[in-house]
Amino acid sequence: MTKVKILATGMYAPKKIMTNNDWKEFVDTSDEWIFERTGIRERHISSRDENEFPSDMATYAAADALKTAGLEPNDIDMIIFASVNPDYKLPNTASVVQQKLGITNKCACMDIAAACSGFVYEFNMANSFIKTGLAKKVLVIGSEVLTQEMDWTDRRSCVLFGDGCGVAILGASDENDGSEILATNLGSDGKGGEYFSHPIGGSVNPVTKENIENKEVFMRMKGQEMFKMATRSMAKCAKDAIADAGLSLADVNWIIPHQANIRIIKTVAKLLDAPMEKFITNIHKYGNTSAASIGMALHEGITEGKIKRGDIVLLDAFGAGLTYGATLLKY
């Protein structure tokens, strides 16, 4: 059976950096208060003037990944784009990226909505498409501009989020190549949907003058409830993926969790009985970038020389829905 590997990764972070101290202009807070509760020091904020919409950031990151892999744009025969806030409802943003990259082979393009689990979800979708022969080289993208979706006056949530993009190109491994995706585990618990929601803007509750004036159009989160479900689901799907591969935690070199909150990551580490030294984190630099976070951390782990070929890497995520997923791979 065809084995699938990561051919290359890429990322893009907007040019503007907003520190915790910068938030004093908007809410009653401090660097100490934010860092102690979240592990975040700064985040990147996208700019319309700098062409930093989700498709733009994806195009920049994908161009770097193509260069690293030694590929041409038309070598990509599928694009999967994950985002909470894509460029438009229509057309899908994957198709916009196709055009911006100059891909002319009319490859399949789709957007998915799995919130912060989006990168892991699309990663596993690409794995399936390649294994079944329906695609050869798939570009997976997580690109978010969450700072446009949040209430900048809500101290409980506004300091958590940032903008950015992470991408990976997946393709078949060579016959003698040991790199492969070893196991996957995806799931969702709809009972947790109320804990992180964005109820205004869909067909049930369209945008109106009244809900704009009442600040009902922003994302809303119940932090304590989300924390409990997130930590349990991340730990369980991580354990299941490792067991499905016939391995143990001792075999895993690196764990890349969704970068939502350092307390969540530390709690997952305790539930897994794993040392924090195995976790790759960059939440202090970017905050919660939703579907982009694991892709960005994966790219930095590789480019900084931590993750090397042959290493066993676990990707572990949760998101609104409540979605969750884990991927175990040999890089």
Protein backbone atom coordinates (compact mmCIF):
# COMPACT_ATOMS: atom_id res chain seq x y z
CA MET A 1 0.00 0.00 0.00
CA THR A 2 1.14 3.53 -0.74
CA LYS A 3 2.81 5.30 2.16
CA VAL A 4 2.34 9.04 2.59
CA LYS A 5 4.89 11.55 3.87
CA ILE A 6 5.38 15.26 4.40
CA LEU A 7 7.29 16.61 1.42
CA ALA A 8 7.62 20.17 2.74
CA THR A 9 6.07 22.71 5.08
CA GLY A 10 5.66 26.48 5.13
CA MET A 11 4.21 29.26 7.24
CA TYR A 12 3.43 32.95 7.23
CA ALA A 13 2.91 35.32 10.16
CA PRO A 14 1.60 38.86 9.57
CA LYS A 15 4.10 41.68 9.90
CA LYS A 16 2.36 43.53 12.72
CA ILE A 17 3.13 42.20 16.21
CA MET A 18 0.90 43.04 19.17
CA THR A 19 2.36 42.45 22.64
CA ASN A 20 0.43 41.90 25.85
CA ASN A 21 1.29 45.43 26.93
CA ASP A 22 -0.34 46.77 23.76
CA TRP A 23 -3.67 45.39 24.98
CA LYS A 24 -3.78 47.99 27.75
CA GLU A 25 -5.15 50.40 25.14
CA PHE A 26 -8.26 48.25 24.72
CA VAL A 27 -8.91 46.39 27.99
CA ASP A 28 -7.91 46.38 31.66
CA THR A 29 -5.08 43.85 31.60
CA SER A 30 -1.33 43.37 31.91
CA ASP A 31 1.46 41.27 30.49
CA GLU A 32 1.65 39.28 33.74
CA TRP A 33 -2.11 38.58 33.85
CA ILE A 34 -2.20 37.32 30.26
CA PHE A 35 1.03 35.31 30.36
CA GLU A 36 0.25 33.53 33.63
CA ARG A 37 -3.14 32.39 32.36
CA THR A 38 -2.32 31.63 28.72
CA GLY A 39 1.42 31.45 28.07
CA ILE A 40 1.05 34.15 25.41
CA ARG A 41 3.45 37.09 25.14
CA GLU A 42 2.55 38.40 21.68
CA ARG A 43 0.52 37.66 18.56
CA HIS A 44 0.54 38.75 14.92
CA ILE A 45 -2.27 40.90 13.51
CA SER A 46 -3.12 40.79 9.79
CA SER A 47 -3.40 43.95 7.73
CA ARG A 48 -5.64 44.69 4.76
CA ASP A 49 -3.06 47.16 3.49
CA GLU A 50 -0.36 44.46 3.49
CA ASN A 51 -2.51 41.91 1.59
CA GLU A 52 -2.68 39.53 4.54
CA PHE A 53 -6.06 37.93 3.96
CA PRO A 54 -6.25 34.14 4.51
CA SER A 55 -5.63 33.35 0.81
CA ASP A 56 -2.68 35.76 0.66
CA MET A 57 -0.97 34.25 3.70
CA ALA A 58 -1.62 30.78 2.27
CA THR A 59 -0.08 31.78 -1.05
CA TYR A 60 3.09 33.11 0.61
CA ALA A 61 3.47 30.01 2.79
CA ALA A 62 2.69 27.58 -0.04
CA ALA A 63 5.21 29.24 -2.36
CA ASP A 64 7.93 28.64 0.25
CA ALA A 65 6.84 25.01 0.69
CA LEU A 66 6.90 24.41 -3.07
CA LYS A 67 10.42 25.82 -3.25
CA THR A 68 11.57 23.64 -0.36
CA ALA A 69 10.09 20.54 -2.00
CA GLY A 70 11.55 21.41 -5.41
CA LEU A 71 8.08 21.39 -6.95
CA GLU A 72 6.23 23.54 -9.45
CA PRO A 73 2.71 24.85 -8.71
CA ASN A 74 1.18 22.50 -11.28
CA ASP A 75 2.63 19.51 -9.42
CA ILE A 76 -0.13 20.08 -6.86
CA ASP A 77 -3.25 18.13 -7.81
CA MET A 78 -5.42 18.91 -4.77
CA ILE A 79 -5.77 21.81 -2.33
CA ILE A 80 -7.58 21.52 1.01
CA PHE A 81 -8.09 24.75 2.91
CA ALA A 82 -9.09 24.89 6.59
CA SER A 83 -10.25 28.12 8.22
CA VAL A 84 -12.77 29.61 10.61
CA ASN A 85 -12.94 32.75 8.48
CA PRO A 86 -12.00 32.11 4.83
CA ASP A 87 -11.84 34.94 2.32
CA TYR A 88 -15.45 34.46 1.23
CA LYS A 89 -18.41 32.13 1.58
CA LEU A 90 -18.19 31.75 -2.20
CA PRO A 91 -15.95 31.03 -4.02
CA ASN A 92 -14.09 28.65 -1.75
CA THR A 93 -10.72 29.97 -0.66
CA ALA A 94 -8.85 26.88 -1.87
CA SER A 95 -9.82 27.91 -5.40
CA VAL A 96 -8.63 31.45 -4.73
CA VAL A 97 -5.25 30.07 -3.61
CA GLN A 98 -5.11 27.92 -6.74
CA GLN A 99 -5.36 31.05 -8.87
CA LYS A 100 -2.90 33.07 -6.80
CA LEU A 101 -0.30 30.28 -7.03
CA GLY A 102 -0.73 30.15 -10.79
CA ILE A 103 -1.93 26.53 -10.83
CA THR A 104 -3.53 25.87 -14.23
CA ASN A 105 -4.13 22.11 -14.03
CA LYS A 106 -7.67 22.57 -12.65
CA CYS A 107 -6.85 20.55 -9.54
CA ALA A 108 -9.56 19.74 -7.00
CA CYS A 109 -10.06 22.45 -4.37
CA MET A 110 -12.12 22.38 -1.19
CA ASP A 111 -12.57 24.27 2.07
CA ILE A 112 -13.32 22.53 5.36
CA ALA A 113 -14.63 23.87 8.66
CA ALA A 114 -13.37 21.97 11.70
CA ALA A 115 -12.16 25.03 13.63
CA CYS A 116 -8.85 24.51 15.45
CA SER A 117 -8.77 20.82 14.44
CA GLY A 118 -8.83 21.80 10.79
CA PHE A 119 -5.17 21.09 10.01
CA VAL A 120 -5.31 17.58 11.48
CA TYR A 121 -8.61 16.86 9.73
CA GLU A 122 -7.35 17.93 6.30
CA PHE A 123 -4.00 16.20 6.91
CA ASN A 124 -5.84 12.91 7.27
CA MET A 125 -8.08 13.63 4.30
CA ALA A 126 -4.98 14.18 2.15
CA ASN A 127 -3.51 10.93 3.45
CA SER A 128 -6.63 9.04 2.32
CA PHE A 129 -6.74 10.68 -1.11
CA ILE A 130 -3.10 9.83 -1.80
CA LYS A 131 -3.33 6.26 -0.48
CA THR A 132 -6.34 5.55 -2.69
CA GLY A 133 -4.67 7.04 -5.77
CA LEU A 134 -7.12 9.93 -6.13
CA ALA A 135 -4.32 12.47 -5.66
CA LYS A 136 -0.54 12.52 -5.83
CA LYS A 137 0.53 15.74 -4.15
CA VAL A 138 -1.86 17.54 -1.84
CA LEU A 139 -1.40 21.03 -0.43
CA VAL A 140 -3.05 21.34 3.00
CA ILE A 141 -3.55 24.80 4.46
CA GLY A 142 -4.63 26.27 7.76
CA SER A 143 -4.97 30.04 7.46
CA GLU A 144 -6.74 32.30 9.93
CA VAL A 145 -7.55 35.94 10.58
CA LEU A 146 -9.23 35.43 13.95
CA THR A 147 -8.61 38.99 15.08
CA GLN A 148 -11.44 40.05 12.77
CA GLU A 149 -13.84 37.67 14.51
CA MET A 150 -13.30 38.61 18.16
CA ASP A 151 -14.67 41.28 20.49
CA TRP A 152 -11.69 43.49 21.24
CA THR A 153 -13.37 44.66 24.47
CA ASP A 154 -13.85 41.17 25.94
CA ARG A 155 -10.83 40.68 28.22
CA ARG A 156 -11.56 36.98 28.70
CA SER A 157 -11.09 36.08 25.05
CA CYS A 158 -9.62 38.88 22.95
CA VAL A 159 -6.05 38.39 24.22
CA LEU A 160 -6.03 34.73 23.18
CA PHE A 161 -6.07 34.97 19.41
CA GLY A 162 -3.70 35.84 16.60
CA ASP A 163 -3.46 35.53 12.82
CA GLY A 164 -1.25 33.30 10.69
CA CYS A 165 -0.95 30.42 8.27
CA GLY A 166 0.68 26.98 8.24
CA VAL A 167 0.86 24.65 5.24
CA ALA A 168 2.20 21.23 4.32
CA ILE A 169 2.60 19.36 1.03
CA LEU A 170 1.90 15.65 1.28
CA GLY A 171 2.86 13.01 -1.26
CA ALA A 172 3.77 9.37 -1.63
CA SER A 173 6.94 8.08 0.00
CA ASP A 174 9.62 6.48 -2.14
CA GLU A 175 9.79 2.69 -1.97
CA ASN A 176 12.74 2.65 0.43
CA ASP A 177 11.68 5.76 2.37
CA GLY A 178 10.76 5.14 5.99
CA SER A 179 8.64 8.29 6.29
CA GLU A 180 4.91 7.64 6.57
CA ILE A 181 1.68 8.45 8.37
CA LEU A 182 1.34 5.71 10.97
CA ALA A 183 -2.12 6.24 12.47
CA THR A 184 -4.95 8.74 12.61
CA ASN A 185 -7.83 9.34 14.97
CA LEU A 186 -10.62 11.86 14.34
CA GLY A 187 -13.81 12.58 16.23
CA SER A 188 -16.31 15.12 17.44
CA ASP A 189 -18.70 15.55 20.36
CA GLY A 190 -21.58 17.78 19.32
CA LYS A 191 -22.64 18.24 22.93
CA GLY A 192 -19.71 20.63 23.29
CA GLY A 193 -20.83 22.92 20.50
CA GLU A 194 -22.10 25.58 22.89
CA TYR A 195 -18.72 26.00 24.57
CA PHE A 196 -17.11 27.78 21.62
CA SER A 197 -19.48 29.25 19.10
CA HIS A 198 -20.05 31.91 16.49
CA PRO A 199 -23.82 31.74 16.08
CA ILE A 200 -24.40 34.91 14.08
CA GLY A 201 -23.81 34.99 10.33
CA GLY A 202 -25.23 31.66 9.19
CA SER A 203 -28.65 30.81 7.84
CA VAL A 204 -30.17 30.32 11.32
CA ASN A 205 -29.11 33.75 12.63
CA PRO A 206 -28.12 36.07 9.78
CA VAL A 207 -26.32 39.33 10.47
CA THR A 208 -28.68 42.19 11.35
CA LYS A 209 -28.27 45.78 12.47
CA GLU A 210 -29.45 44.78 15.93
CA ASN A 211 -26.98 41.95 16.53
CA ILE A 212 -24.14 44.13 15.29
CA GLU A 213 -25.09 46.90 17.72
CA ASN A 214 -25.42 44.35 20.54
CA LYS A 215 -21.98 42.88 19.77
CA GLU A 216 -23.51 39.46 19.17
CA VAL A 217 -21.57 38.89 15.95
CA PHE A 218 -18.31 37.87 17.62
CA MET A 219 -17.00 34.47 18.71
CA ARG A 220 -18.06 33.42 22.18
CA MET A 221 -16.32 30.95 24.47
CA LYS A 222 -17.09 29.26 27.79
CA GLY A 223 -13.52 28.77 28.93
CA GLN A 224 -13.84 26.38 31.86
CA GLU A 225 -16.15 23.98 30.04
CA MET A 226 -13.98 24.12 26.93
CA PHE A 227 -10.87 23.42 29.01
CA LYS A 228 -12.29 20.21 30.47
CA MET A 229 -13.52 18.79 27.17
CA ALA A 230 -10.39 19.86 25.28
CA THR A 231 -7.90 18.24 27.63
CA ARG A 232 -9.82 14.97 27.88
CA SER A 233 -10.41 14.66 24.15
CA MET A 234 -6.83 15.54 23.21
CA ALA A 235 -5.40 13.00 25.65
CA LYS A 236 -7.76 10.25 24.52
CA CYS A 237 -7.29 10.62 20.77
CA ALA A 238 -3.51 10.88 21.26
CA LYS A 239 -3.47 7.62 23.21
CA ASP A 240 -5.71 5.94 20.64
CA ALA A 241 -3.52 6.99 17.71
CA ILE A 242 -0.37 5.75 19.43
CA ALA A 243 -2.05 2.44 20.32
CA ASP A 244 -3.39 2.01 16.77
CA ALA A 245 0.18 2.28 15.48
CA GLY A 246 1.31 -0.40 17.92
CA LEU A 247 3.65 2.02 19.66
CA SER A 248 4.03 3.54 23.10
CA LEU A 249 4.52 7.12 24.24
CA ALA A 250 8.20 6.33 24.75
CA ASP A 251 8.49 5.85 20.97
CA VAL A 252 7.19 9.37 20.28
CA ASN A 253 9.91 11.98 19.82
CA TRP A 254 7.74 15.08 19.51
CA ILE A 255 4.17 16.11 20.32
CA ILE A 256 2.73 19.13 18.51
CA PRO A 257 -0.51 20.19 20.22
CA HIS A 258 -2.96 22.84 19.15
CA GLN A 259 -1.58 26.07 20.57
CA ALA A 260 -4.64 27.32 22.46
CA ASN A 261 -3.46 27.82 26.01
CA ILE A 262 -0.31 26.68 27.79
CA ARG A 263 -2.41 25.40 30.71
CA ILE A 264 -4.30 23.10 28.35
CA ILE A 265 -1.03 21.81 26.91
CA LYS A 266 0.44 21.19 30.38
CA THR A 267 -2.71 19.38 31.48
CA VAL A 268 -2.61 17.15 28.38
CA ALA A 269 1.03 16.40 29.19
CA LYS A 270 0.01 15.25 32.67
CA LEU A 271 -2.85 13.13 31.34
CA LEU A 272 -0.45 11.46 28.91
CA ASP A 273 2.29 11.25 31.55
CA ALA A 274 4.59 12.91 29.00
CA PRO A 275 7.38 15.40 29.77
CA MET A 276 6.90 18.94 28.49
CA GLU A 277 10.26 18.58 26.76
CA LYS A 278 8.49 16.45 24.15
CA PHE A 279 6.04 19.24 23.32
CA ILE A 280 6.76 21.77 20.61
CA THR A 281 5.10 25.06 21.55
CA ASN A 282 5.15 28.52 20.05
CA ILE A 283 2.02 29.94 21.65
CA HIS A 284 4.11 32.64 23.33
CA LYS A 285 4.83 34.15 19.89
CA TYR A 286 1.55 33.69 18.03
CA GLY A 287 -1.31 33.03 20.45
CA ASN A 288 -4.16 30.81 19.29
CA THR A 289 -4.20 30.77 15.48
CA SER A 290 -6.87 28.05 15.23
CA ALA A 291 -6.44 25.85 12.14
CA ALA A 292 -3.04 27.42 11.45
CA SER A 293 -1.45 26.63 14.80
CA ILE A 294 -0.28 23.03 14.35
CA GLY A 295 0.98 23.74 10.83
CA MET A 296 2.98 26.72 12.07
CA ALA A 297 4.45 24.79 15.01
CA LEU A 298 5.27 21.85 12.73
CA HIS A 299 7.11 24.11 10.30
CA GLU A 300 9.10 25.82 13.04
CA GLY A 301 9.95 22.47 14.62
CA ILE A 302 11.40 21.31 11.30
CA THR A 303 13.19 24.50 10.29
CA GLU A 304 14.69 24.97 13.76
CA GLY A 305 16.21 21.50 13.54
CA LYS A 306 14.20 19.87 16.32
CA ILE A 307 12.23 17.51 14.09
CA LYS A 308 14.47 15.33 11.95
CA ARG A 309 13.74 12.67 9.36
CA GLY A 310 12.90 9.43 11.11
CA ASP A 311 11.43 11.11 14.18
CA ILE A 312 8.00 9.97 15.40
CA VAL A 313 5.74 13.02 15.63
CA LEU A 314 2.24 13.29 17.11
CA LEU A 315 -0.12 16.06 15.97
CA ASP A 316 -2.91 16.59 18.50
CA ALA A 317 -5.80 19.06 18.26
CA PHE A 318 -9.24 20.09 19.46
CA GLY A 319 -11.59 22.77 18.21
CA ALA A 320 -15.12 24.13 18.24
CA GLY A 321 -17.70 21.51 17.47
CA LEU A 322 -16.27 20.01 19.66
CA THR A 323 -13.92 18.47 17.12
CA TYR A 324 -10.70 16.67 17.93
CA GLY A 325 -8.06 14.64 16.14
CA ALA A 326 -4.59 13.14 16.31
CA THR A 327 -2.11 12.03 13.67
CA LEU A 328 0.96 9.93 14.38
CA LEU A 329 3.62 10.05 11.70
CA LYS A 330 7.21 9.15 11.02
CA TYR A 331 8.77 12.27 9.60
